[in-house]
Amino acid sequence: MKKKMAPAPPKEYRFFDDVYAVVRLIPKGRVTSYGAIAAYLGTKMSARMVGWAMNAAHGLKEVPAHRVVNRQGLLTGKHHFETPTTMQKRLQREGVRVVKDQVQDFAKHFWDPAKEL
């Protein structure tokens, strides 16, 4: 009589890891939005979850969280950095102009993973 093997457990889905993998691909001098990342990952309605992932990423140096803004180019995540101006300073060092927490020439700097990857 053959012994029945238990089925292998399903692979655990790690949404935050997928978000971080996309964010690592954003080129310097470009920005993307929470919604664009969610749409690329096939979870268009999960922009807020992408935001949660970005909030949790601030201890991860290899994740350039400063390149993720809202759909209008606003630095809505700036309060989760070391100082309220850190996000802006990092973007400006990469050539992205920011005025009053708003990315200037947003369309020019916008990186859409669905089109670029």
PDB file of N, CA and C in Angstrom:
ATOM      1  N   MET A   1       0.836  -1.169   0.000  1.00  0.00           N
ATOM      2  CA  MET A   1       0.000   0.000   0.000  1.00  0.00           C
ATOM      3  C   MET A   1       0.894   1.250   0.000  1.00  0.00           C
ATOM      4  N   LYS A   2       0.586   2.160  -0.908  1.00  0.00           N
ATOM      5  CA  LYS A   2       1.379   3.385  -1.004  1.00  0.00           C
ATOM      6  C   LYS A   2       0.967   4.376   0.076  1.00  0.00           C
ATOM      7  N   LYS A   3       1.959   5.015   0.594  1.00  0.00           N
ATOM      8  CA  LYS A   3       1.706   6.045   1.599  1.00  0.00           C
ATOM      9  C   LYS A   3       1.350   7.345   0.877  1.00  0.00           C
ATOM     10  N   LYS A   4       0.270   7.987   1.290  1.00  0.00           N
ATOM     11  CA  LYS A   4      -0.141   9.256   0.681  1.00  0.00           C
ATOM     12  C   LYS A   4       0.748  10.377   1.181  1.00  0.00           C
ATOM     13  N   MET A   5       1.234  11.167   0.235  1.00  0.00           N
ATOM     14  CA  MET A   5       2.061  12.322   0.579  1.00  0.00           C
ATOM     15  C   MET A   5       1.155  13.529   0.729  1.00  0.00           C
ATOM     16  N   ALA A   6       1.449  14.322   1.699  1.00  0.00           N
ATOM     17  CA  ALA A   6       0.700  15.566   1.878  1.00  0.00           C
ATOM     18  C   ALA A   6       1.064  16.508   0.738  1.00  0.00           C
ATOM     19  N   PRO A   7       0.072  17.259   0.228  1.00  0.00           N
ATOM     20  CA  PRO A   7       0.398  18.207  -0.843  1.00  0.00           C
ATOM     21  C   PRO A   7       1.353  19.283  -0.323  1.00  0.00           C
ATOM     22  N   ALA A   8       2.179  19.754  -1.232  1.00  0.00           N
ATOM     23  CA  ALA A   8       3.118  20.826  -0.854  1.00  0.00           C
ATOM     24  C   ALA A   8       2.321  22.076  -0.526  1.00  0.00           C
ATOM     25  N   PRO A   9       2.741  22.785   0.488  1.00  0.00           N
ATOM     26  CA  PRO A   9       2.019  24.024   0.822  1.00  0.00           C
ATOM     27  C   PRO A   9       2.168  25.021  -0.331  1.00  0.00           C
ATOM     28  N   PRO A  10       1.147  25.843  -0.560  1.00  0.00           N
ATOM     29  CA  PRO A  10       1.247  26.827  -1.649  1.00  0.00           C
ATOM     30  C   PRO A  10       2.346  27.842  -1.343  1.00  0.00           C
ATOM     31  N   LYS A  11       2.970  28.337  -2.402  1.00  0.00           N
ATOM     32  CA  LYS A  11       4.012  29.345  -2.225  1.00  0.00           C
ATOM     33  C   LYS A  11       3.376  30.599  -1.631  1.00  0.00           C
ATOM     34  N   GLU A  12       4.007  31.106  -0.613  1.00  0.00           N
ATOM     35  CA  GLU A  12       3.480  32.293   0.047  1.00  0.00           C
ATOM     36  C   GLU A  12       3.666  33.503  -0.865  1.00  0.00           C
ATOM     37  N   TYR A  13       2.602  34.249  -1.061  1.00  0.00           N
ATOM     38  CA  TYR A  13       2.665  35.451  -1.886  1.00  0.00           C
ATOM     39  C   TYR A  13       3.064  36.609  -1.001  1.00  0.00           C
ATOM     40  N   ARG A  14       4.086  37.311  -1.413  1.00  0.00           N
ATOM     41  CA  ARG A  14       4.619  38.404  -0.615  1.00  0.00           C
ATOM     42  C   ARG A  14       4.496  39.696  -1.418  1.00  0.00           C
ATOM     43  N   PHE A  15       3.379  40.362  -1.274  1.00  0.00           N
ATOM     44  CA  PHE A  15       3.068  41.564  -2.039  1.00  0.00           C
ATOM     45  C   PHE A  15       4.131  42.646  -1.862  1.00  0.00           C
ATOM     46  N   PHE A  16       4.547  42.896  -0.633  1.00  0.00           N
ATOM     47  CA  PHE A  16       5.540  43.943  -0.393  1.00  0.00           C
ATOM     48  C   PHE A  16       6.827  43.654  -1.161  1.00  0.00           C
ATOM     49  N   ASP A  17       7.255  42.394  -1.205  1.00  0.00           N
ATOM     50  CA  ASP A  17       8.469  42.036  -1.939  1.00  0.00           C
ATOM     51  C   ASP A  17       8.315  42.342  -3.426  1.00  0.00           C
ATOM     52  N   ASP A  18       7.142  42.094  -3.975  1.00  0.00           N
ATOM     53  CA  ASP A  18       6.895  42.410  -5.386  1.00  0.00           C
ATOM     54  C   ASP A  18       6.937  43.922  -5.617  1.00  0.00           C
ATOM     55  N   VAL A  19       6.368  44.676  -4.693  1.00  0.00           N
ATOM     56  CA  VAL A  19       6.404  46.140  -4.792  1.00  0.00           C
ATOM     57  C   VAL A  19       7.853  46.611  -4.775  1.00  0.00           C
ATOM     58  N   TYR A  20       8.645  46.112  -3.836  1.00  0.00           N
ATOM     59  CA  TYR A  20      10.036  46.533  -3.720  1.00  0.00           C
ATOM     60  C   TYR A  20      10.831  46.179  -4.981  1.00  0.00           C
ATOM     61  N   ALA A  21      10.525  45.037  -5.580  1.00  0.00           N
ATOM     62  CA  ALA A  21      11.225  44.641  -6.802  1.00  0.00           C
ATOM     63  C   ALA A  21      10.960  45.656  -7.923  1.00  0.00           C
ATOM     64  N   VAL A  22       9.730  46.146  -8.025  1.00  0.00           N
ATOM     65  CA  VAL A  22       9.404  47.151  -9.041  1.00  0.00           C
ATOM     66  C   VAL A  22      10.079  48.474  -8.707  1.00  0.00           C
ATOM     67  N   VAL A  23      10.010  48.894  -7.456  1.00  0.00           N
ATOM     68  CA  VAL A  23      10.580  50.184  -7.049  1.00  0.00           C
ATOM     69  C   VAL A  23      12.087  50.206  -7.304  1.00  0.00           C
ATOM     70  N   ARG A  24      12.757  49.079  -7.120  1.00  0.00           N
ATOM     71  CA  ARG A  24      14.202  49.028  -7.380  1.00  0.00           C
ATOM     72  C   ARG A  24      14.533  49.290  -8.850  1.00  0.00           C
ATOM     73  N   LEU A  25      13.566  49.115  -9.727  1.00  0.00           N
ATOM     74  CA  LEU A  25      13.791  49.296 -11.166  1.00  0.00           C
ATOM     75  C   LEU A  25      13.542  50.726 -11.652  1.00  0.00           C
ATOM     76  N   ILE A  26      12.993  51.582 -10.792  1.00  0.00           N
ATOM     77  CA  ILE A  26      12.721  52.967 -11.197  1.00  0.00           C
ATOM     78  C   ILE A  26      14.069  53.652 -11.428  1.00  0.00           C
ATOM     79  N   PRO A  27      14.291  54.170 -12.629  1.00  0.00           N
ATOM     80  CA  PRO A  27      15.581  54.824 -12.898  1.00  0.00           C
ATOM     81  C   PRO A  27      15.747  56.117 -12.099  1.00  0.00           C
ATOM     82  N   LYS A  28      16.990  56.478 -11.841  1.00  0.00           N
ATOM     83  CA  LYS A  28      17.277  57.759 -11.197  1.00  0.00           C
ATOM     84  C   LYS A  28      16.714  58.872 -12.059  1.00  0.00           C
ATOM     85  N   GLY A  29      16.168  59.883 -11.401  1.00  0.00           N
ATOM     86  CA  GLY A  29      15.609  61.015 -12.123  1.00  0.00           C
ATOM     87  C   GLY A  29      14.200  60.782 -12.636  1.00  0.00           C
ATOM     88  N   ARG A  30      13.602  59.668 -12.256  1.00  0.00           N
ATOM     89  CA  ARG A  30      12.233  59.346 -12.660  1.00  0.00           C
ATOM     90  C   ARG A  30      11.412  59.055 -11.410  1.00  0.00           C
ATOM     91  N   VAL A  31      10.097  59.158 -11.536  1.00  0.00           N
ATOM     92  CA  VAL A  31       9.183  58.843 -10.440  1.00  0.00           C
ATOM     93  C   VAL A  31       8.044  58.005 -10.992  1.00  0.00           C
ATOM     94  N   THR A  32       7.388  57.301 -10.107  1.00  0.00           N
ATOM     95  CA  THR A  32       6.171  56.581 -10.476  1.00  0.00           C
ATOM     96  C   THR A  32       5.164  56.756  -9.351  1.00  0.00           C
ATOM     97  N   SER A  33       3.972  56.227  -9.563  1.00  0.00           N
ATOM     98  CA  SER A  33       2.914  56.394  -8.561  1.00  0.00           C
ATOM     99  C   SER A  33       2.563  55.058  -7.914  1.00  0.00           C
ATOM    100  N   TYR A  34       1.916  55.175  -6.783  1.00  0.00           N
ATOM    101  CA  TYR A  34       1.438  53.984  -6.078  1.00  0.00           C
ATOM    102  C   TYR A  34       0.515  53.181  -6.989  1.00  0.00           C
ATOM    103  N   GLY A  35      -0.375  53.877  -7.673  1.00  0.00           N
ATOM    104  CA  GLY A  35      -1.336  53.224  -8.551  1.00  0.00           C
ATOM    105  C   GLY A  35      -0.692  52.548  -9.748  1.00  0.00           C
ATOM    106  N   ALA A  36       0.348  53.156 -10.313  1.00  0.00           N
ATOM    107  CA  ALA A  36       1.036  52.550 -11.459  1.00  0.00           C
ATOM    108  C   ALA A  36       1.709  51.245 -11.051  1.00  0.00           C
ATOM    109  N   ILE A  37       2.271  51.217  -9.855  1.00  0.00           N
ATOM    110  CA  ILE A  37       2.890  49.982  -9.359  1.00  0.00           C
ATOM    111  C   ILE A  37       1.815  48.920  -9.138  1.00  0.00           C
ATOM    112  N   ALA A  38       0.712  49.312  -8.511  1.00  0.00           N
ATOM    113  CA  ALA A  38      -0.379  48.365  -8.258  1.00  0.00           C
ATOM    114  C   ALA A  38      -0.910  47.801  -9.575  1.00  0.00           C
ATOM    115  N   ALA A  39      -1.119  48.658 -10.560  1.00  0.00           N
ATOM    116  CA  ALA A  39      -1.628  48.198 -11.853  1.00  0.00           C
ATOM    117  C   ALA A  39      -0.647  47.235 -12.506  1.00  0.00           C
ATOM    118  N   TYR A  40       0.632  47.540 -12.456  1.00  0.00           N
ATOM    119  CA  TYR A  40       1.642  46.662 -13.039  1.00  0.00           C
ATOM    120  C   TYR A  40       1.615  45.285 -12.383  1.00  0.00           C
ATOM    121  N   LEU A  41       1.377  45.258 -11.078  1.00  0.00           N
ATOM    122  CA  LEU A  41       1.346  43.985 -10.354  1.00  0.00           C
ATOM    123  C   LEU A  41       0.024  43.249 -10.508  1.00  0.00           C
ATOM    124  N   GLY A  42      -0.895  43.839 -11.284  1.00  0.00           N
ATOM    125  CA  GLY A  42      -2.177  43.176 -11.527  1.00  0.00           C
ATOM    126  C   GLY A  42      -3.185  43.376 -10.426  1.00  0.00           C
ATOM    127  N   THR A  43      -2.944  44.339  -9.571  1.00  0.00           N
ATOM    128  CA  THR A  43      -3.850  44.623  -8.458  1.00  0.00           C
ATOM    129  C   THR A  43      -4.193  46.109  -8.469  1.00  0.00           C
ATOM    130  N   LYS A  44      -4.801  46.546  -9.542  1.00  0.00           N
ATOM    131  CA  LYS A  44      -5.053  47.967  -9.787  1.00  0.00           C
ATOM    132  C   LYS A  44      -5.692  48.700  -8.608  1.00  0.00           C
ATOM    133  N   MET A  45      -6.501  48.013  -7.846  1.00  0.00           N
ATOM    134  CA  MET A  45      -7.205  48.649  -6.724  1.00  0.00           C
ATOM    135  C   MET A  45      -6.374  48.645  -5.430  1.00  0.00           C
ATOM    136  N   SER A  46      -5.109  48.297  -5.528  1.00  0.00           N
ATOM    137  CA  SER A  46      -4.285  48.162  -4.323  1.00  0.00           C
ATOM    138  C   SER A  46      -3.255  49.272  -4.148  1.00  0.00           C
ATOM    139  N   ALA A  47      -3.512  50.448  -4.685  1.00  0.00           N
ATOM    140  CA  ALA A  47      -2.564  51.561  -4.544  1.00  0.00           C
ATOM    141  C   ALA A  47      -2.269  51.848  -3.075  1.00  0.00           C
ATOM    142  N   ARG A  48      -3.263  51.755  -2.250  1.00  0.00           N
ATOM    143  CA  ARG A  48      -3.066  52.020  -0.820  1.00  0.00           C
ATOM    144  C   ARG A  48      -2.114  50.997  -0.196  1.00  0.00           C
ATOM    145  N   MET A  49      -2.226  49.751  -0.631  1.00  0.00           N
ATOM    146  CA  MET A  49      -1.307  48.719  -0.124  1.00  0.00           C
ATOM    147  C   MET A  49       0.123  48.995  -0.576  1.00  0.00           C
ATOM    148  N   VAL A  50       0.285  49.537  -1.782  1.00  0.00           N
ATOM    149  CA  VAL A  50       1.619  49.928  -2.239  1.00  0.00           C
ATOM    150  C   VAL A  50       2.152  51.018  -1.305  1.00  0.00           C
ATOM    151  N   GLY A  51       1.291  51.939  -0.910  1.00  0.00           N
ATOM    152  CA  GLY A  51       1.681  52.969   0.048  1.00  0.00           C
ATOM    153  C   GLY A  51       2.132  52.375   1.370  1.00  0.00           C
ATOM    154  N   TRP A  52       1.434  51.364   1.830  1.00  0.00           N
ATOM    155  CA  TRP A  52       1.834  50.702   3.078  1.00  0.00           C
ATOM    156  C   TRP A  52       3.205  50.050   2.909  1.00  0.00           C
ATOM    157  N   ALA A  53       3.423  49.442   1.744  1.00  0.00           N
ATOM    158  CA  ALA A  53       4.731  48.834   1.475  1.00  0.00           C
ATOM    159  C   ALA A  53       5.824  49.892   1.499  1.00  0.00           C
ATOM    160  N   MET A  54       5.545  51.053   0.923  1.00  0.00           N
ATOM    161  CA  MET A  54       6.540  52.130   0.916  1.00  0.00           C
ATOM    162  C   MET A  54       6.808  52.625   2.330  1.00  0.00           C
ATOM    163  N   ASN A  55       5.787  52.711   3.151  1.00  0.00           N
ATOM    164  CA  ASN A  55       5.973  53.130   4.545  1.00  0.00           C
ATOM    165  C   ASN A  55       6.868  52.138   5.292  1.00  0.00           C
ATOM    166  N   ALA A  56       6.742  50.874   4.955  1.00  0.00           N
ATOM    167  CA  ALA A  56       7.530  49.835   5.613  1.00  0.00           C
ATOM    168  C   ALA A  56       8.939  49.716   5.035  1.00  0.00           C
ATOM    169  N   ALA A  57       9.217  50.402   3.925  1.00  0.00           N
ATOM    170  CA  ALA A  57      10.497  50.254   3.222  1.00  0.00           C
ATOM    171  C   ALA A  57      11.585  51.188   3.718  1.00  0.00           C
ATOM    172  N   HIS A  58      11.283  52.060   4.631  1.00  0.00           N
ATOM    173  CA  HIS A  58      12.247  53.097   4.971  1.00  0.00           C
ATOM    174  C   HIS A  58      13.483  52.604   5.698  1.00  0.00           C
ATOM    175  N   GLY A  59      13.499  51.393   6.144  1.00  0.00           N
ATOM    176  CA  GLY A  59      14.723  50.825   6.703  1.00  0.00           C
ATOM    177  C   GLY A  59      15.521  50.064   5.663  1.00  0.00           C
ATOM    178  N   LEU A  60      14.987  49.968   4.451  1.00  0.00           N
ATOM    179  CA  LEU A  60      15.639  49.208   3.388  1.00  0.00           C
ATOM    180  C   LEU A  60      16.349  50.161   2.430  1.00  0.00           C
ATOM    181  N   LYS A  61      17.653  50.272   2.555  1.00  0.00           N
ATOM    182  CA  LYS A  61      18.408  51.243   1.764  1.00  0.00           C
ATOM    183  C   LYS A  61      18.340  50.966   0.266  1.00  0.00           C
ATOM    184  N   GLU A  62      18.161  49.709  -0.122  1.00  0.00           N
ATOM    185  CA  GLU A  62      18.166  49.370  -1.544  1.00  0.00           C
ATOM    186  C   GLU A  62      16.827  49.651  -2.235  1.00  0.00           C
ATOM    187  N   VAL A  63      15.846  50.146  -1.500  1.00  0.00           N
ATOM    188  CA  VAL A  63      14.532  50.470  -2.065  1.00  0.00           C
ATOM    189  C   VAL A  63      14.410  51.992  -2.130  1.00  0.00           C
ATOM    190  N   PRO A  64      14.455  52.578  -3.345  1.00  0.00           N
ATOM    191  CA  PRO A  64      14.388  54.034  -3.466  1.00  0.00           C
ATOM    192  C   PRO A  64      12.958  54.563  -3.334  1.00  0.00           C
ATOM    193  N   ALA A  65      12.440  54.508  -2.125  1.00  0.00           N
ATOM    194  CA  ALA A  65      11.055  54.888  -1.854  1.00  0.00           C
ATOM    195  C   ALA A  65      10.773  56.344  -2.207  1.00  0.00           C
ATOM    196  N   HIS A  66      11.787  57.177  -2.253  1.00  0.00           N
ATOM    197  CA  HIS A  66      11.581  58.597  -2.576  1.00  0.00           C
ATOM    198  C   HIS A  66      11.095  58.794  -4.012  1.00  0.00           C
ATOM    199  N   ARG A  67      11.203  57.783  -4.855  1.00  0.00           N
ATOM    200  CA  ARG A  67      10.771  57.889  -6.257  1.00  0.00           C
ATOM    201  C   ARG A  67       9.301  57.522  -6.457  1.00  0.00           C
ATOM    202  N   VAL A  68       8.585  57.240  -5.379  1.00  0.00           N
ATOM    203  CA  VAL A  68       7.171  56.875  -5.475  1.00  0.00           C
ATOM    204  C   VAL A  68       6.336  58.018  -4.901  1.00  0.00           C
ATOM    205  N   VAL A  69       5.470  58.561  -5.736  1.00  0.00           N
ATOM    206  CA  VAL A  69       4.634  59.711  -5.375  1.00  0.00           C
ATOM    207  C   VAL A  69       3.175  59.366  -5.678  1.00  0.00           C
ATOM    208  N   ASN A  70       2.279  60.291  -5.405  1.00  0.00           N
ATOM    209  CA  ASN A  70       0.885  59.997  -5.726  1.00  0.00           C
ATOM    210  C   ASN A  70       0.616  60.276  -7.211  1.00  0.00           C
ATOM    211  N   ARG A  71      -0.575  60.020  -7.659  1.00  0.00           N
ATOM    212  CA  ARG A  71      -0.899  60.104  -9.095  1.00  0.00           C
ATOM    213  C   ARG A  71      -0.817  61.512  -9.666  1.00  0.00           C
ATOM    214  N   GLN A  72      -0.736  62.501  -8.806  1.00  0.00           N
ATOM    215  CA  GLN A  72      -0.609  63.889  -9.256  1.00  0.00           C
ATOM    216  C   GLN A  72       0.817  64.415  -9.106  1.00  0.00           C
ATOM    217  N   GLY A  73       1.716  63.556  -8.637  1.00  0.00           N
ATOM    218  CA  GLY A  73       3.101  63.972  -8.453  1.00  0.00           C
ATOM    219  C   GLY A  73       3.380  64.624  -7.117  1.00  0.00           C
ATOM    220  N   LEU A  74       2.466  64.477  -6.176  1.00  0.00           N
ATOM    221  CA  LEU A  74       2.658  65.054  -4.839  1.00  0.00           C
ATOM    222  C   LEU A  74       3.476  64.114  -3.953  1.00  0.00           C
ATOM    223  N   LEU A  75       4.311  64.690  -3.122  1.00  0.00           N
ATOM    224  CA  LEU A  75       5.152  63.918  -2.207  1.00  0.00           C
ATOM    225  C   LEU A  75       4.366  63.545  -0.956  1.00  0.00           C
ATOM    226  N   THR A  76       3.359  62.723  -1.122  1.00  0.00           N
ATOM    227  CA  THR A  76       2.483  62.380  -0.008  1.00  0.00           C
ATOM    228  C   THR A  76       3.165  61.504   1.041  1.00  0.00           C
ATOM    229  N   GLY A  77       4.266  60.856   0.686  1.00  0.00           N
ATOM    230  CA  GLY A  77       4.966  60.001   1.643  1.00  0.00           C
ATOM    231  C   GLY A  77       6.100  60.684   2.369  1.00  0.00           C
ATOM    232  N   LYS A  78       6.243  61.984   2.205  1.00  0.00           N
ATOM    233  CA  LYS A  78       7.401  62.701   2.751  1.00  0.00           C
ATOM    234  C   LYS A  78       7.528  62.608   4.266  1.00  0.00           C
ATOM    235  N   HIS A  79       6.430  62.427   4.975  1.00  0.00           N
ATOM    236  CA  HIS A  79       6.462  62.390   6.436  1.00  0.00           C
ATOM    237  C   HIS A  79       7.019  61.076   6.987  1.00  0.00           C
ATOM    238  N   HIS A  80       7.231  60.116   6.112  1.00  0.00           N
ATOM    239  CA  HIS A  80       7.755  58.825   6.553  1.00  0.00           C
ATOM    240  C   HIS A  80       9.274  58.735   6.404  1.00  0.00           C
ATOM    241  N   PHE A  81       9.900  59.823   5.967  1.00  0.00           N
ATOM    242  CA  PHE A  81      11.357  59.875   5.844  1.00  0.00           C
ATOM    243  C   PHE A  81      11.958  60.496   7.100  1.00  0.00           C
ATOM    244  N   GLU A  82      13.293  60.517   7.143  1.00  0.00           N
ATOM    245  CA  GLU A  82      13.996  61.032   8.325  1.00  0.00           C
ATOM    246  C   GLU A  82      13.526  62.436   8.695  1.00  0.00           C
ATOM    247  N   THR A  83      13.369  63.293   7.682  1.00  0.00           N
ATOM    248  CA  THR A  83      12.850  64.646   7.886  1.00  0.00           C
ATOM    249  C   THR A  83      11.802  64.899   6.807  1.00  0.00           C
ATOM    250  N   PRO A  84      10.934  65.884   6.977  1.00  0.00           N
ATOM    251  CA  PRO A  84       9.920  66.170   5.953  1.00  0.00           C
ATOM    252  C   PRO A  84      10.497  66.653   4.612  1.00  0.00           C
ATOM    253  N   THR A  85      11.771  67.008   4.580  1.00  0.00           N
ATOM    254  CA  THR A  85      12.375  67.478   3.322  1.00  0.00           C
ATOM    255  C   THR A  85      13.297  66.445   2.673  1.00  0.00           C
ATOM    256  N   THR A  86      13.512  65.313   3.320  1.00  0.00           N
ATOM    257  CA  THR A  86      14.423  64.297   2.785  1.00  0.00           C
ATOM    258  C   THR A  86      13.991  63.803   1.409  1.00  0.00           C
ATOM    259  N   MET A  87      12.715  63.517   1.227  1.00  0.00           N
ATOM    260  CA  MET A  87      12.220  63.005  -0.046  1.00  0.00           C
ATOM    261  C   MET A  87      12.501  64.003  -1.168  1.00  0.00           C
ATOM    262  N   GLN A  88      12.180  65.256  -0.922  1.00  0.00           N
ATOM    263  CA  GLN A  88      12.411  66.305  -1.921  1.00  0.00           C
ATOM    264  C   GLN A  88      13.898  66.435  -2.244  1.00  0.00           C
ATOM    265  N   LYS A  89      14.733  66.439  -1.232  1.00  0.00           N
ATOM    266  CA  LYS A  89      16.179  66.588  -1.448  1.00  0.00           C
ATOM    267  C   LYS A  89      16.730  65.435  -2.281  1.00  0.00           C
ATOM    268  N   ARG A  90      16.282  64.222  -2.005  1.00  0.00           N
ATOM    269  CA  ARG A  90      16.760  63.070  -2.779  1.00  0.00           C
ATOM    270  C   ARG A  90      16.340  63.173  -4.239  1.00  0.00           C
ATOM    271  N   LEU A  91      15.101  63.572  -4.469  1.00  0.00           N
ATOM    272  CA  LEU A  91      14.630  63.732  -5.846  1.00  0.00           C
ATOM    273  C   LEU A  91      15.404  64.839  -6.556  1.00  0.00           C
ATOM    274  N   GLN A  92      15.625  65.941  -5.874  1.00  0.00           N
ATOM    275  CA  GLN A  92      16.333  67.051  -6.496  1.00  0.00           C
ATOM    276  C   GLN A  92      17.778  66.687  -6.825  1.00  0.00           C
ATOM    277  N   ARG A  93      18.405  65.869  -5.987  1.00  0.00           N
ATOM    278  CA  ARG A  93      19.769  65.395  -6.292  1.00  0.00           C
ATOM    279  C   ARG A  93      19.791  64.569  -7.578  1.00  0.00           C
ATOM    280  N   GLU A  94      18.657  63.976  -7.918  1.00  0.00           N
ATOM    281  CA  GLU A  94      18.555  63.164  -9.134  1.00  0.00           C
ATOM    282  C   GLU A  94      18.047  63.973 -10.328  1.00  0.00           C
ATOM    283  N   GLY A  95      17.858  65.282 -10.137  1.00  0.00           N
ATOM    284  CA  GLY A  95      17.437  66.130 -11.244  1.00  0.00           C
ATOM    285  C   GLY A  95      15.943  66.339 -11.373  1.00  0.00           C
ATOM    286  N   VAL A  96      15.185  65.912 -10.370  1.00  0.00           N
ATOM    287  CA  VAL A  96      13.732  66.095 -10.383  1.00  0.00           C
ATOM    288  C   VAL A  96      13.419  67.362  -9.595  1.00  0.00           C
ATOM    289  N   ARG A  97      12.852  68.337 -10.254  1.00  0.00           N
ATOM    290  CA  ARG A  97      12.516  69.603  -9.588  1.00  0.00           C
ATOM    291  C   ARG A  97      11.207  69.440  -8.823  1.00  0.00           C
ATOM    292  N   VAL A  98      11.196  69.903  -7.579  1.00  0.00           N
ATOM    293  CA  VAL A  98      10.026  69.811  -6.710  1.00  0.00           C
ATOM    294  C   VAL A  98       9.741  71.201  -6.148  1.00  0.00           C
ATOM    295  N   VAL A  99       8.496  71.647  -6.295  1.00  0.00           N
ATOM    296  CA  VAL A  99       8.077  72.942  -5.757  1.00  0.00           C
ATOM    297  C   VAL A  99       6.812  72.696  -4.937  1.00  0.00           C
ATOM    298  N   LYS A 100       6.851  73.113  -3.686  1.00  0.00           N
ATOM    299  CA  LYS A 100       5.714  72.947  -2.773  1.00  0.00           C
ATOM    300  C   LYS A 100       5.203  71.500  -2.773  1.00  0.00           C
ATOM    301  N   ASP A 101       6.129  70.568  -2.615  1.00  0.00           N
ATOM    302  CA  ASP A 101       5.827  69.135  -2.533  1.00  0.00           C
ATOM    303  C   ASP A 101       5.224  68.565  -3.816  1.00  0.00           C
ATOM    304  N   GLN A 102       5.402  69.227  -4.929  1.00  0.00           N
ATOM    305  CA  GLN A 102       4.840  68.799  -6.216  1.00  0.00           C
ATOM    306  C   GLN A 102       5.988  68.614  -7.214  1.00  0.00           C
ATOM    307  N   VAL A 103       6.055  67.422  -7.832  1.00  0.00           N
ATOM    308  CA  VAL A 103       7.045  67.178  -8.878  1.00  0.00           C
ATOM    309  C   VAL A 103       6.693  68.049 -10.078  1.00  0.00           C
ATOM    310  N   GLN A 104       7.649  68.845 -10.529  1.00  0.00           N
ATOM    311  CA  GLN A 104       7.447  69.684 -11.706  1.00  0.00           C
ATOM    312  C   GLN A 104       7.719  68.844 -12.956  1.00  0.00           C
ATOM    313  N   ASP A 105       7.024  69.152 -14.038  1.00  0.00           N
ATOM    314  CA  ASP A 105       7.146  68.360 -15.269  1.00  0.00           C
ATOM    315  C   ASP A 105       6.897  66.878 -14.973  1.00  0.00           C
ATOM    316  N   PHE A 106       5.839  66.627 -14.232  1.00  0.00           N
ATOM    317  CA  PHE A 106       5.529  65.267 -13.778  1.00  0.00           C
ATOM    318  C   PHE A 106       5.457  64.287 -14.944  1.00  0.00           C
ATOM    319  N   ALA A 107       4.801  64.667 -16.030  1.00  0.00           N
ATOM    320  CA  ALA A 107       4.672  63.761 -17.182  1.00  0.00           C
ATOM    321  C   ALA A 107       6.044  63.390 -17.745  1.00  0.00           C
ATOM    322  N   LYS A 108       6.958  64.324 -17.739  1.00  0.00           N
ATOM    323  CA  LYS A 108       8.313  64.084 -18.261  1.00  0.00           C
ATOM    324  C   LYS A 108       9.070  63.091 -17.373  1.00  0.00           C
ATOM    325  N   HIS A 109       8.877  63.176 -16.080  1.00  0.00           N
ATOM    326  CA  HIS A 109       9.607  62.333 -15.133  1.00  0.00           C
ATOM    327  C   HIS A 109       8.879  61.022 -14.808  1.00  0.00           C
ATOM    328  N   PHE A 110       7.617  60.921 -15.219  1.00  0.00           N
ATOM    329  CA  PHE A 110       6.820  59.748 -14.845  1.00  0.00           C
ATOM    330  C   PHE A 110       7.327  58.486 -15.537  1.00  0.00           C
ATOM    331  N   TRP A 111       7.507  57.456 -14.764  1.00  0.00           N
ATOM    332  CA  TRP A 111       7.949  56.143 -15.235  1.00  0.00           C
ATOM    333  C   TRP A 111       6.827  55.152 -15.001  1.00  0.00           C
ATOM    334  N   ASP A 112       6.278  54.607 -16.076  1.00  0.00           N
ATOM    335  CA  ASP A 112       5.167  53.661 -15.974  1.00  0.00           C
ATOM    336  C   ASP A 112       5.713  52.255 -16.180  1.00  0.00           C
ATOM    337  N   PRO A 113       5.756  51.442 -15.115  1.00  0.00           N
ATOM    338  CA  PRO A 113       6.320  50.104 -15.263  1.00  0.00           C
ATOM    339  C   PRO A 113       5.591  49.253 -16.295  1.00  0.00           C
ATOM    340  N   ALA A 114       4.308  49.484 -16.507  1.00  0.00           N
ATOM    341  CA  ALA A 114       3.549  48.699 -17.489  1.00  0.00           C
ATOM    342  C   ALA A 114       4.046  48.964 -18.911  1.00  0.00           C
ATOM    343  N   LYS A 115       4.585  50.150 -19.140  1.00  0.00           N
ATOM    344  CA  LYS A 115       5.085  50.509 -20.477  1.00  0.00           C
ATOM    345  C   LYS A 115       6.594  50.325 -20.588  1.00  0.00           C
ATOM    346  N   GLU A 116       7.299  50.486 -19.496  1.00  0.00           N
ATOM    347  CA  GLU A 116       8.762  50.495 -19.535  1.00  0.00           C
ATOM    348  C   GLU A 116       9.395  49.132 -19.277  1.00  0.00           C
ATOM    349  N   LEU A 117       8.640  48.220 -18.680  1.00  0.00           N
ATOM    350  CA  LEU A 117       9.201  46.896 -18.395  1.00  0.00           C
ATOM    351  C   LEU A 117       8.681  45.843 -19.359  1.00  0.00           C
TER     352      LEU A 117
END
